[in-house]
Amino acid sequence: MARKFLTPIDLNKLELQNARIQNLTSDPASPVAGQIYYNSVDSQLKYYNGSASAWQVIGQTVEQLQDAVNSLLVQGTAISLNYNDEAGTLTIANTGVTSIVGTANEVEVSASAGAVTLSLPSTINADTTGNANTATTLATARTISLGGDLSGSASFNGSADITINATVGANSVALGTDTTGDYVAGATAGSGITVGGSGGEGSSLTITNTGVLSLTGTANEVNVSASAGNVTIGLPDDVTIGGNLVVTGDLTVSGSTTYLNTATLQVEDNKVVLNSNATGTPTVDAGIEIERGDYPNAELFWDESEGKWTASNGSASFALSLAGHTHTSSDITNFQEAVEDVVGAMATDSGTVDFTYTDNGAGAGTLSASVILAASASYLSTTSGLAVDKSALETVLLSDGFTRKVSANLTGVATSYAITHSLGTRDVAVNVYDNSTYETVETDIVRTDANIVTVSFAVAPTSNAYRVVIVG
């Protein structure tokens, strides 16, 4: 959304940086002299000189520069030019020699920095005459020898065929690489077996049992017996586990007593079932008993005869109330009086609230609070609850310098409007906006005095077109 300026902008000789001229696809209507814009279709920057239909181009366009460059270039020998006006491209082509390549063993060609050098190679393919073309034997005999893992040689002069007797060198045949057939190259260790040495000619293998050499039980934990190669492993009648015991299945203890000699008992199940073998109508109490040494044992148990949870300190039992039962303060001795005294002691007077607590012994006490108003709070009243006197509050706010707002439409047709705000200060913020679009517009604003601001326009607007808002 563009910001409207209804008055000239004076930059006071400062730079207009990173600005962009308005982009349009055609000339704007109703222009004024000096107006400029950028035509995005023609890629031209234009200005209006004040006469009808007189939009002028500022500077040369890309098209004009391209045509000028094309007119400057002239084709030369072995050079062609192709200018595509529509695409805006210029192609310059070499129509002379485009490549030069030599022939192997006949002519060598090299080029650098535009210079081409032609030369003869060191070896030339050509017809020969004389001894090389007609000789039946070599002028000097040559010796042909075998290499690698073979040895042997013969003299050759071209007069007859030759035979070379080959001898295989010692230790030159690699098994599996230079040979075929079956042989043992080595041995691989298995579970509980290790293999020492290596396979092959002149080597030996040592096979060792590294598994179980002996099997012995542990007293009170595991029994072991062996006969004729058979080993039997079992548990003794009395088992002692020295470390941790983890049972992944169910554990059933069928003895008469289970002892847990541990410092900490942790049970993952969220419920422990007591009297699990009870059937029919329940008659037996069940719960938890705490051993207290020389003192009577304490208990927390379900009393079947009373149908209640009960706590015992060893001398007396007390029924426990459960959630869902009806409770009254009389269920707990002196409960109401104790709570009232605690709350009454916690209610402490402050500079704004006065508490009064009346103790009524065993009966219900009372606690009241009243608001204390400051002498300066003349705009507050406690007659019928806390209330605010708006007119009195406004007077106080004005005296304390709180900001106020004044707003009005600019009526009538004029270039200057004097707006009386009666705020008693020039320290005011003034804003003008369009009544139809609600956009902020820029105008000339002068704080004439402490109660008047003057709003001015370069061109008189229509009546009620704009609204001014003054805050101070």
Protein backbone atom coordinates (compact mmCIF):
# COMPACT_ATOMS: atom_id res chain seq x y z
CA MET A 1 0.00 0.00 0.00
CA ALA A 2 1.48 3.33 -1.10
CA ARG A 3 1.66 6.29 1.32
CA LYS A 4 -0.04 9.43 -0.04
CA PHE A 5 1.80 12.75 0.19
CA LEU A 6 -0.49 15.74 -0.20
CA THR A 7 2.35 18.26 0.09
CA PRO A 8 5.75 18.56 -1.68
CA ILE A 9 8.71 16.63 -0.21
CA ASP A 10 11.88 18.68 0.44
CA LEU A 11 14.93 16.44 1.00
CA ASN A 12 17.03 19.56 1.79
CA LYS A 13 19.80 18.46 -0.67
CA LEU A 14 20.07 14.99 0.86
CA GLU A 15 20.50 11.85 -1.26
CA LEU A 16 17.53 9.72 -2.35
CA GLN A 17 19.17 6.28 -1.99
CA ASN A 18 18.03 2.88 -3.36
CA ALA A 19 14.96 4.48 -5.01
CA ARG A 20 12.88 2.79 -7.73
CA ILE A 21 10.86 4.64 -10.40
CA GLN A 22 7.19 3.62 -10.77
CA ASN A 23 6.80 0.67 -13.23
CA LEU A 24 3.83 0.80 -15.66
CA THR A 25 2.96 -0.99 -18.90
CA SER A 26 1.65 2.21 -20.55
CA ASP A 27 1.76 6.01 -20.19
CA PRO A 28 -0.21 7.18 -17.09
CA ALA A 29 -3.31 9.34 -17.66
CA SER A 30 -3.57 13.04 -16.70
CA PRO A 31 0.19 13.61 -16.25
CA VAL A 32 1.80 16.83 -15.08
CA ALA A 33 4.99 18.42 -16.39
CA GLY A 34 8.10 16.75 -14.98
CA GLN A 35 6.35 13.45 -14.08
CA ILE A 36 8.52 10.37 -14.75
CA TYR A 37 7.92 6.60 -14.87
CA TYR A 38 9.50 3.38 -16.25
CA ASN A 39 7.73 1.62 -19.16
CA SER A 40 8.22 -2.10 -18.38
CA VAL A 41 7.03 -3.15 -21.89
CA ASP A 42 9.47 -0.95 -23.89
CA SER A 43 12.15 -1.04 -21.15
CA GLN A 44 12.30 2.79 -21.32
CA LEU A 45 12.52 5.54 -18.71
CA LYS A 46 10.15 8.38 -19.71
CA TYR A 47 9.27 11.91 -18.57
CA TYR A 48 6.35 14.27 -19.43
CA ASN A 49 7.35 17.67 -20.88
CA GLY A 50 3.96 19.33 -20.27
CA SER A 51 2.42 19.13 -23.75
CA ALA A 52 -0.27 16.68 -24.86
CA SER A 53 1.04 13.15 -25.59
CA ALA A 54 4.58 14.36 -25.14
CA TRP A 55 6.18 11.52 -23.13
CA GLN A 56 9.92 11.59 -23.85
CA VAL A 57 12.45 8.74 -23.52
CA ILE A 58 15.33 9.37 -21.09
CA GLY A 59 18.62 7.88 -22.46
CA GLN A 60 19.01 5.06 -25.01
CA THR A 61 17.26 1.72 -24.77
CA VAL A 62 18.99 -1.66 -24.97
CA GLU A 63 17.49 -2.13 -28.43
CA GLN A 64 19.01 1.13 -29.62
CA LEU A 65 22.44 0.19 -28.24
CA GLN A 66 22.24 -3.24 -29.92
CA ASP A 67 21.42 -1.70 -33.30
CA ALA A 68 24.29 0.80 -32.89
CA VAL A 69 26.81 -1.95 -32.13
CA ASN A 70 25.64 -4.01 -35.13
CA SER A 71 26.06 -1.01 -37.47
CA LEU A 72 29.68 -0.56 -36.32
CA LEU A 73 30.78 -4.15 -37.14
CA VAL A 74 31.83 -5.11 -40.73
CA GLN A 75 32.57 -8.64 -41.97
CA GLY A 76 36.22 -9.35 -42.87
CA THR A 77 38.06 -12.13 -44.72
CA ALA A 78 36.95 -15.56 -43.43
CA ILE A 79 34.74 -13.83 -40.78
CA SER A 80 30.91 -13.73 -40.92
CA LEU A 81 28.40 -11.69 -38.81
CA ASN A 82 24.82 -12.72 -37.97
CA TYR A 83 22.72 -10.15 -35.99
CA ASN A 84 19.30 -11.38 -34.73
CA ASP A 85 17.42 -8.19 -33.98
CA GLU A 86 14.43 -9.94 -32.40
CA ALA A 87 16.49 -12.13 -30.07
CA GLY A 88 19.09 -9.42 -29.48
CA THR A 89 22.07 -11.67 -30.34
CA LEU A 90 25.18 -11.15 -32.55
CA THR A 91 27.06 -14.24 -33.79
CA ILE A 92 30.63 -13.85 -35.13
CA ALA A 93 31.86 -16.98 -37.02
CA ASN A 94 35.24 -18.00 -38.53
CA THR A 95 34.56 -19.25 -42.07
CA GLY A 96 38.25 -20.02 -42.91
CA VAL A 97 40.38 -22.86 -41.51
CA THR A 98 38.65 -24.21 -38.43
CA SER A 99 40.96 -27.13 -37.65
CA ILE A 100 44.36 -28.53 -38.68
CA VAL A 101 45.55 -32.05 -37.80
CA GLY A 102 48.73 -33.91 -38.68
CA THR A 103 49.06 -37.54 -39.94
CA ALA A 104 50.70 -40.08 -37.62
CA ASN A 105 54.32 -40.89 -38.56
CA GLU A 106 54.13 -38.43 -41.47
CA VAL A 107 53.52 -34.81 -40.30
CA GLU A 108 53.31 -33.40 -36.74
CA VAL A 109 51.20 -30.32 -35.98
CA SER A 110 51.34 -28.12 -32.83
CA ALA A 111 49.70 -24.77 -32.06
CA SER A 112 50.14 -22.12 -29.35
CA ALA A 113 48.84 -18.56 -29.04
CA GLY A 114 47.48 -18.65 -32.59
CA ALA A 115 50.75 -19.90 -34.16
CA VAL A 116 50.76 -23.33 -35.92
CA THR A 117 54.01 -25.33 -36.34
CA LEU A 118 54.40 -28.20 -38.89
CA SER A 119 57.31 -30.68 -38.55
CA LEU A 120 58.39 -34.23 -39.49
CA PRO A 121 58.24 -36.96 -36.80
CA SER A 122 61.32 -38.91 -35.64
CA THR A 123 59.95 -42.10 -37.33
CA ILE A 124 58.60 -41.89 -40.88
CA ASN A 125 56.49 -44.53 -42.66
CA ALA A 126 57.86 -44.83 -46.23
CA ASP A 127 58.86 -47.46 -48.87
CA THR A 128 62.56 -48.54 -48.63
CA THR A 129 64.89 -50.15 -51.18
CA GLY A 130 68.27 -51.89 -50.97
CA ASN A 131 69.48 -54.42 -48.39
CA ALA A 132 66.55 -53.96 -45.98
CA ASN A 133 64.13 -54.90 -48.78
CA THR A 134 66.09 -57.77 -50.37
CA ALA A 135 68.30 -59.33 -47.63
CA THR A 136 67.74 -63.04 -46.73
CA THR A 137 69.85 -63.00 -43.53
CA LEU A 138 70.61 -60.42 -40.90
CA ALA A 139 73.89 -58.64 -41.30
CA THR A 140 74.53 -59.32 -37.60
CA ALA A 141 73.00 -62.36 -35.84
CA ARG A 142 70.88 -61.67 -32.76
CA THR A 143 70.39 -63.71 -29.58
CA ILE A 144 66.81 -64.40 -28.42
CA SER A 145 66.43 -65.27 -24.68
CA LEU A 146 63.53 -66.33 -22.42
CA GLY A 147 62.76 -64.32 -19.27
CA GLY A 148 60.66 -64.59 -16.12
CA ASP A 149 60.60 -68.06 -14.47
CA LEU A 150 61.98 -69.66 -17.74
CA SER A 151 65.58 -69.74 -18.99
CA GLY A 152 67.01 -70.57 -22.42
CA SER A 153 68.34 -68.77 -25.53
CA ALA A 154 69.20 -69.22 -29.24
CA SER A 155 71.04 -67.25 -31.97
CA PHE A 156 68.89 -66.00 -34.89
CA ASN A 157 70.12 -64.46 -38.17
CA GLY A 158 67.04 -65.09 -40.30
CA SER A 159 68.45 -67.95 -42.36
CA ALA A 160 66.52 -70.74 -40.64
CA ASP A 161 63.97 -71.54 -37.90
CA ILE A 162 65.29 -71.80 -34.33
CA THR A 163 64.25 -73.81 -31.23
CA ILE A 164 64.74 -72.57 -27.66
CA ASN A 165 64.96 -75.23 -24.93
CA ALA A 166 63.25 -73.77 -21.80
CA THR A 167 64.16 -74.59 -18.21
CA VAL A 168 61.71 -73.76 -15.34
CA GLY A 169 63.44 -71.96 -12.47
CA ALA A 170 63.44 -73.47 -8.95
CA ASN A 171 60.57 -72.37 -6.59
CA SER A 172 58.90 -70.48 -9.45
CA VAL A 173 55.55 -72.37 -9.51
CA ALA A 174 52.86 -71.06 -7.13
CA LEU A 175 50.36 -73.71 -5.91
CA GLY A 176 46.79 -72.86 -6.82
CA THR A 177 48.01 -70.12 -9.20
CA ASP A 178 50.33 -71.97 -11.59
CA THR A 179 48.91 -75.48 -10.90
CA THR A 180 45.62 -77.42 -11.02
CA GLY A 181 44.40 -80.48 -9.08
CA ASP A 182 43.57 -81.36 -5.44
CA TYR A 183 45.84 -80.55 -2.51
CA VAL A 184 45.39 -79.34 1.14
CA ALA A 185 46.32 -75.68 1.46
CA GLY A 186 45.44 -75.37 5.18
CA ALA A 187 42.91 -76.08 7.94
CA THR A 188 40.16 -73.85 9.44
CA ALA A 189 39.43 -73.76 13.18
CA GLY A 190 35.93 -74.66 14.40
CA SER A 191 34.02 -74.00 17.66
CA GLY A 192 36.26 -75.00 20.62
CA ILE A 193 39.13 -75.95 18.22
CA THR A 194 42.25 -73.95 17.29
CA VAL A 195 44.66 -74.68 14.42
CA GLY A 196 48.40 -73.92 14.56
CA GLY A 197 50.90 -73.91 11.67
CA SER A 198 50.00 -73.68 7.98
CA GLY A 199 49.24 -75.96 5.04
CA GLY A 200 51.34 -76.53 1.96
CA GLU A 201 54.59 -78.25 0.99
CA GLY A 202 56.86 -79.05 3.96
CA SER A 203 54.41 -77.60 6.55
CA SER A 204 52.50 -79.15 9.48
CA LEU A 205 49.26 -78.43 11.37
CA THR A 206 48.56 -78.57 15.14
CA ILE A 207 44.89 -79.01 16.16
CA THR A 208 44.05 -78.11 19.81
CA ASN A 209 40.81 -78.44 21.84
CA THR A 210 40.16 -75.03 23.45
CA GLY A 211 36.62 -75.86 24.67
CA VAL A 212 35.48 -77.44 27.95
CA LEU A 213 38.28 -79.44 29.59
CA SER A 214 36.58 -80.07 32.91
CA LEU A 215 33.11 -79.65 34.43
CA THR A 216 32.61 -79.17 38.20
CA GLY A 217 29.50 -78.24 40.20
CA THR A 218 29.23 -75.60 43.01
CA ALA A 219 28.18 -76.68 46.49
CA ASN A 220 24.54 -75.82 47.34
CA GLU A 221 24.03 -74.41 43.84
CA VAL A 222 24.64 -77.02 41.04
CA ASN A 223 25.32 -80.80 41.19
CA VAL A 224 27.39 -82.42 38.39
CA SER A 225 27.95 -86.17 37.77
CA ALA A 226 29.50 -88.01 34.80
CA SER A 227 29.63 -91.61 33.60
CA ALA A 228 30.75 -93.13 30.29
CA GLY A 229 31.01 -89.72 28.66
CA ASN A 230 27.55 -88.60 29.84
CA VAL A 231 27.31 -85.51 32.06
CA THR A 232 24.30 -84.90 34.37
CA ILE A 233 23.65 -81.38 35.81
CA GLY A 234 20.96 -80.72 38.45
CA LEU A 235 20.06 -78.68 41.54
CA PRO A 236 20.66 -79.92 45.10
CA ASP A 237 17.83 -80.23 47.63
CA ASP A 238 18.99 -77.04 49.40
CA VAL A 239 20.02 -74.28 46.97
CA THR A 240 21.96 -71.14 47.90
CA ILE A 241 22.26 -68.34 45.33
CA GLY A 242 25.33 -66.21 46.05
CA GLY A 243 24.52 -63.48 43.53
CA ASN A 244 21.32 -62.11 41.97
CA LEU A 245 18.46 -64.45 40.97
CA VAL A 246 16.17 -63.46 38.12
CA VAL A 247 13.00 -65.52 37.54
CA THR A 248 11.35 -64.69 34.22
CA GLY A 249 8.34 -66.97 34.84
CA ASP A 250 6.00 -67.39 37.82
CA LEU A 251 7.56 -68.18 41.22
CA THR A 252 5.58 -70.46 43.54
CA VAL A 253 6.74 -70.93 47.16
CA SER A 254 4.98 -73.89 48.83
CA GLY A 255 6.62 -73.73 52.29
CA SER A 256 4.93 -72.50 55.43
CA THR A 257 7.07 -69.37 55.92
CA THR A 258 8.83 -67.01 53.50
CA TYR A 259 11.71 -64.94 54.91
CA LEU A 260 12.97 -61.77 53.18
CA ASN A 261 16.25 -60.69 54.78
CA THR A 262 16.68 -57.57 52.63
CA ALA A 263 17.13 -53.89 53.43
CA THR A 264 14.81 -52.79 50.60
CA LEU A 265 11.76 -54.55 49.11
CA GLN A 266 10.65 -53.36 45.67
CA VAL A 267 7.43 -54.73 44.12
CA GLU A 268 6.54 -53.77 40.55
CA ASP A 269 2.86 -54.76 40.87
CA ASN A 270 0.67 -51.85 42.00
CA LYS A 271 -1.51 -54.09 44.20
CA VAL A 272 -0.58 -56.77 46.77
CA VAL A 273 -3.30 -59.39 47.44
CA LEU A 274 -3.64 -60.70 51.02
CA ASN A 275 -5.91 -63.59 52.05
CA SER A 276 -5.67 -64.81 48.46
CA ASN A 277 -7.12 -68.23 49.37
CA ALA A 278 -10.31 -66.75 50.92
CA THR A 279 -13.64 -67.87 49.43
CA GLY A 280 -17.30 -67.19 50.18
CA THR A 281 -18.30 -64.58 52.79
CA PRO A 282 -15.15 -62.85 54.21
CA THR A 283 -14.62 -63.14 57.97
CA VAL A 284 -10.87 -62.60 58.48
CA ASP A 285 -9.20 -59.19 58.93
CA ALA A 286 -6.15 -58.52 56.72
CA GLY A 287 -3.48 -55.83 56.66
CA ILE A 288 0.09 -54.87 57.54
CA GLU A 289 1.69 -55.26 60.97
CA ILE A 290 4.84 -53.33 61.98
CA GLU A 291 7.28 -54.94 64.44
CA ARG A 292 8.25 -52.31 67.04
CA GLY A 293 10.60 -54.23 69.32
CA ASP A 294 9.78 -53.65 73.02
CA TYR A 295 6.69 -51.60 72.09
CA PRO A 296 3.30 -52.91 70.94
CA ASN A 297 3.21 -53.60 67.21
CA ALA A 298 1.31 -51.11 65.01
CA GLU A 299 -1.19 -52.24 62.36
CA LEU A 300 -3.04 -50.94 59.32
CA PHE A 301 -5.76 -53.44 58.40
CA TRP A 302 -9.24 -53.96 56.96
CA ASP A 303 -11.71 -54.68 59.75
CA GLU A 304 -14.23 -57.13 58.26
CA SER A 305 -16.63 -56.84 61.21
CA GLU A 306 -16.80 -53.02 60.85
CA GLY A 307 -16.33 -52.86 57.07
CA LYS A 308 -13.73 -50.12 57.50
CA TRP A 309 -10.02 -49.50 57.21
CA THR A 310 -8.58 -49.35 60.72
CA ALA A 311 -5.27 -48.17 62.20
CA SER A 312 -3.91 -49.55 65.50
CA ASN A 313 -1.01 -48.22 67.60
CA GLY A 314 -0.92 -51.44 69.63
CA SER A 315 -3.13 -50.05 72.38
CA ALA A 316 -6.19 -48.68 70.58
CA SER A 317 -7.78 -48.89 67.12
CA PHE A 318 -9.18 -46.00 65.06
CA ALA A 319 -11.42 -46.27 62.00
CA LEU A 320 -10.28 -44.37 58.88
CA SER A 321 -12.76 -42.44 56.70
CA LEU A 322 -12.63 -43.07 52.95
CA ALA A 323 -13.27 -40.68 50.03
CA GLY A 324 -16.95 -40.77 49.15
CA HIS A 325 -18.12 -40.89 52.79
CA THR A 326 -19.92 -37.87 54.28
CA HIS A 327 -17.50 -35.87 56.48
CA THR A 328 -18.25 -33.14 59.03
CA SER A 329 -15.87 -31.03 61.11
CA SER A 330 -17.18 -32.77 64.23
CA ASP A 331 -15.60 -36.02 62.99
CA ILE A 332 -12.23 -34.53 64.06
CA THR A 333 -11.89 -33.23 67.60
CA ASN A 334 -11.59 -29.40 67.71
CA PHE A 335 -11.06 -29.33 63.93
CA GLN A 336 -13.21 -26.23 63.18
CA GLU A 337 -11.84 -24.20 66.12
CA ALA A 338 -8.24 -25.06 65.20
CA VAL A 339 -8.73 -24.07 61.54
CA GLU A 340 -10.48 -20.79 62.45
CA ASP A 341 -7.68 -19.82 64.86
CA VAL A 342 -4.99 -20.52 62.24
CA VAL A 343 -6.81 -18.54 59.51
CA GLY A 344 -7.55 -15.68 61.95
CA ALA A 345 -3.85 -15.46 62.84
CA MET A 346 -2.84 -15.45 59.14
CA ALA A 347 -5.13 -12.52 58.23
CA THR A 348 -2.84 -9.53 58.83
CA ASP A 349 -3.89 -5.91 58.34
CA SER A 350 -2.19 -3.87 55.62
CA GLY A 351 -2.27 -0.25 54.53
CA THR A 352 -5.30 -0.92 52.31
CA VAL A 353 -7.20 -3.80 54.03
CA ASP A 354 -8.38 -4.07 57.68
CA PHE A 355 -9.18 -7.63 58.98
CA THR A 356 -11.34 -8.37 62.04
CA TYR A 357 -11.47 -11.93 63.49
CA THR A 358 -14.07 -12.83 66.18
CA ASP A 359 -13.45 -16.11 67.99
CA ASN A 360 -16.62 -17.89 69.12
CA GLY A 361 -15.08 -20.75 71.09
CA ALA A 362 -16.60 -24.05 70.02
CA GLY A 363 -19.09 -22.24 67.75
CA ALA A 364 -18.42 -20.71 64.33
CA GLY A 365 -16.22 -17.61 64.41
CA THR A 366 -16.28 -14.70 61.94
CA LEU A 367 -13.61 -13.01 59.79
CA SER A 368 -14.40 -9.71 58.03
CA ALA A 369 -12.31 -7.39 55.86
CA SER A 370 -12.79 -3.75 54.89
CA VAL A 371 -10.95 -1.61 52.31
CA ILE A 372 -8.98 1.41 53.58
CA LEU A 373 -9.03 4.27 51.03
CA ALA A 374 -6.18 6.76 50.79
CA ALA A 375 -7.06 10.40 51.40
CA SER A 376 -5.97 11.23 47.84
CA ALA A 377 -8.31 8.62 46.29
CA SER A 378 -11.25 11.03 46.15
CA TYR A 379 -12.57 9.30 43.02
CA LEU A 380 -13.13 5.98 44.93
CA SER A 381 -16.08 5.08 47.20
CA THR A 382 -16.87 2.04 49.41
CA THR A 383 -20.50 2.96 50.22
CA SER A 384 -22.01 0.13 48.15
CA GLY A 385 -18.93 -1.85 47.28
CA LEU A 386 -15.82 -0.37 45.69
CA ALA A 387 -16.87 2.12 42.97
CA VAL A 388 -15.19 4.78 40.76
CA ASP A 389 -16.46 8.34 40.19
CA LYS A 390 -15.60 8.84 36.48
CA SER A 391 -15.76 12.65 36.48
CA ALA A 392 -13.56 12.89 39.57
CA LEU A 393 -11.13 10.36 38.07
CA GLU A 394 -10.84 12.35 34.83
CA THR A 395 -9.92 15.47 36.81
CA VAL A 396 -7.19 13.55 38.61
CA LEU A 397 -5.83 12.04 35.39
CA LEU A 398 -5.64 15.46 33.71
CA SER A 399 -3.80 16.95 36.65
CA ASP A 400 -1.33 14.04 36.54
CA GLY A 401 -0.57 14.65 32.83
CA PHE A 402 -2.30 11.62 31.29
CA THR A 403 -2.65 11.77 27.46
CA ARG A 404 -5.96 12.49 25.74
CA LYS A 405 -7.20 12.24 22.17
CA VAL A 406 -9.05 14.76 19.99
CA SER A 407 -10.25 13.87 16.46
CA ALA A 408 -12.34 15.64 13.78
CA ASN A 409 -13.11 15.58 10.04
CA LEU A 410 -11.68 18.38 7.88
CA THR A 411 -14.89 20.04 6.65
CA GLY A 412 -15.12 22.63 3.91
CA VAL A 413 -12.83 23.10 0.89
CA ALA A 414 -9.56 24.85 1.78
CA THR A 415 -5.80 24.37 1.66
CA SER A 416 -5.37 25.09 5.40
CA TYR A 417 -7.38 24.01 8.46
CA ALA A 418 -6.94 25.24 12.08
CA ILE A 419 -7.96 22.52 14.56
CA THR A 420 -8.56 23.50 18.20
CA HIS A 421 -7.75 20.64 20.58
CA SER A 422 -7.55 22.52 23.93
CA LEU A 423 -4.96 20.08 25.34
CA GLY A 424 -2.86 22.95 26.63
CA THR A 425 0.45 21.75 25.12
CA ARG A 426 2.41 21.72 21.86
CA ASP A 427 3.64 18.21 22.76
CA VAL A 428 1.03 16.49 20.61
CA ALA A 429 1.16 13.77 17.93
CA VAL A 430 -0.90 14.58 14.81
CA ASN A 431 -2.02 12.00 12.23
CA VAL A 432 -4.20 12.49 9.10
CA TYR A 433 -5.89 9.60 7.27
CA ASP A 434 -8.20 9.12 4.26
CA ASN A 435 -11.85 8.60 5.33
CA SER A 436 -12.57 6.26 2.39
CA THR A 437 -9.43 4.04 2.36
CA TYR A 438 -8.27 4.62 5.98
CA GLU A 439 -4.71 5.08 4.67
CA THR A 440 -2.40 7.54 6.41
CA VAL A 441 -1.60 10.62 4.26
CA GLU A 442 1.27 13.10 4.63
CA THR A 443 0.46 16.82 4.95
CA ASP A 444 2.06 19.99 6.34
CA ILE A 445 1.40 20.16 10.11
CA VAL A 446 2.22 23.14 12.33
CA ARG A 447 1.62 23.26 16.12
CA THR A 448 0.32 26.84 16.05
CA ASP A 449 0.09 27.19 19.85
CA ALA A 450 -0.63 25.02 22.94
CA ASN A 451 -4.28 24.52 21.87
CA ILE A 452 -4.30 24.72 18.03
CA VAL A 453 -2.64 22.76 15.21
CA THR A 454 -2.79 23.86 11.55
CA VAL A 455 -3.04 21.22 8.76
CA SER A 456 -2.18 22.39 5.19
CA PHE A 457 -2.46 20.81 1.72
CA ALA A 458 -0.83 21.67 -1.63
CA VAL A 459 -4.24 21.13 -3.32
CA ALA A 460 -7.52 21.75 -1.44
CA PRO A 461 -9.26 18.41 -0.68
CA THR A 462 -13.01 17.84 -0.78
CA SER A 463 -14.99 18.35 2.43
CA ASN A 464 -14.81 15.42 4.90
CA ALA A 465 -12.26 13.61 2.71
CA TYR A 466 -9.74 13.39 5.57
CA ARG A 467 -9.79 13.03 9.34
CA VAL A 468 -7.22 14.41 11.80
CA VAL A 469 -6.33 12.68 15.10
CA ILE A 470 -4.46 14.61 17.83
CA VAL A 471 -2.98 12.85 20.90
CA GLY A 472 -1.28 14.80 23.70
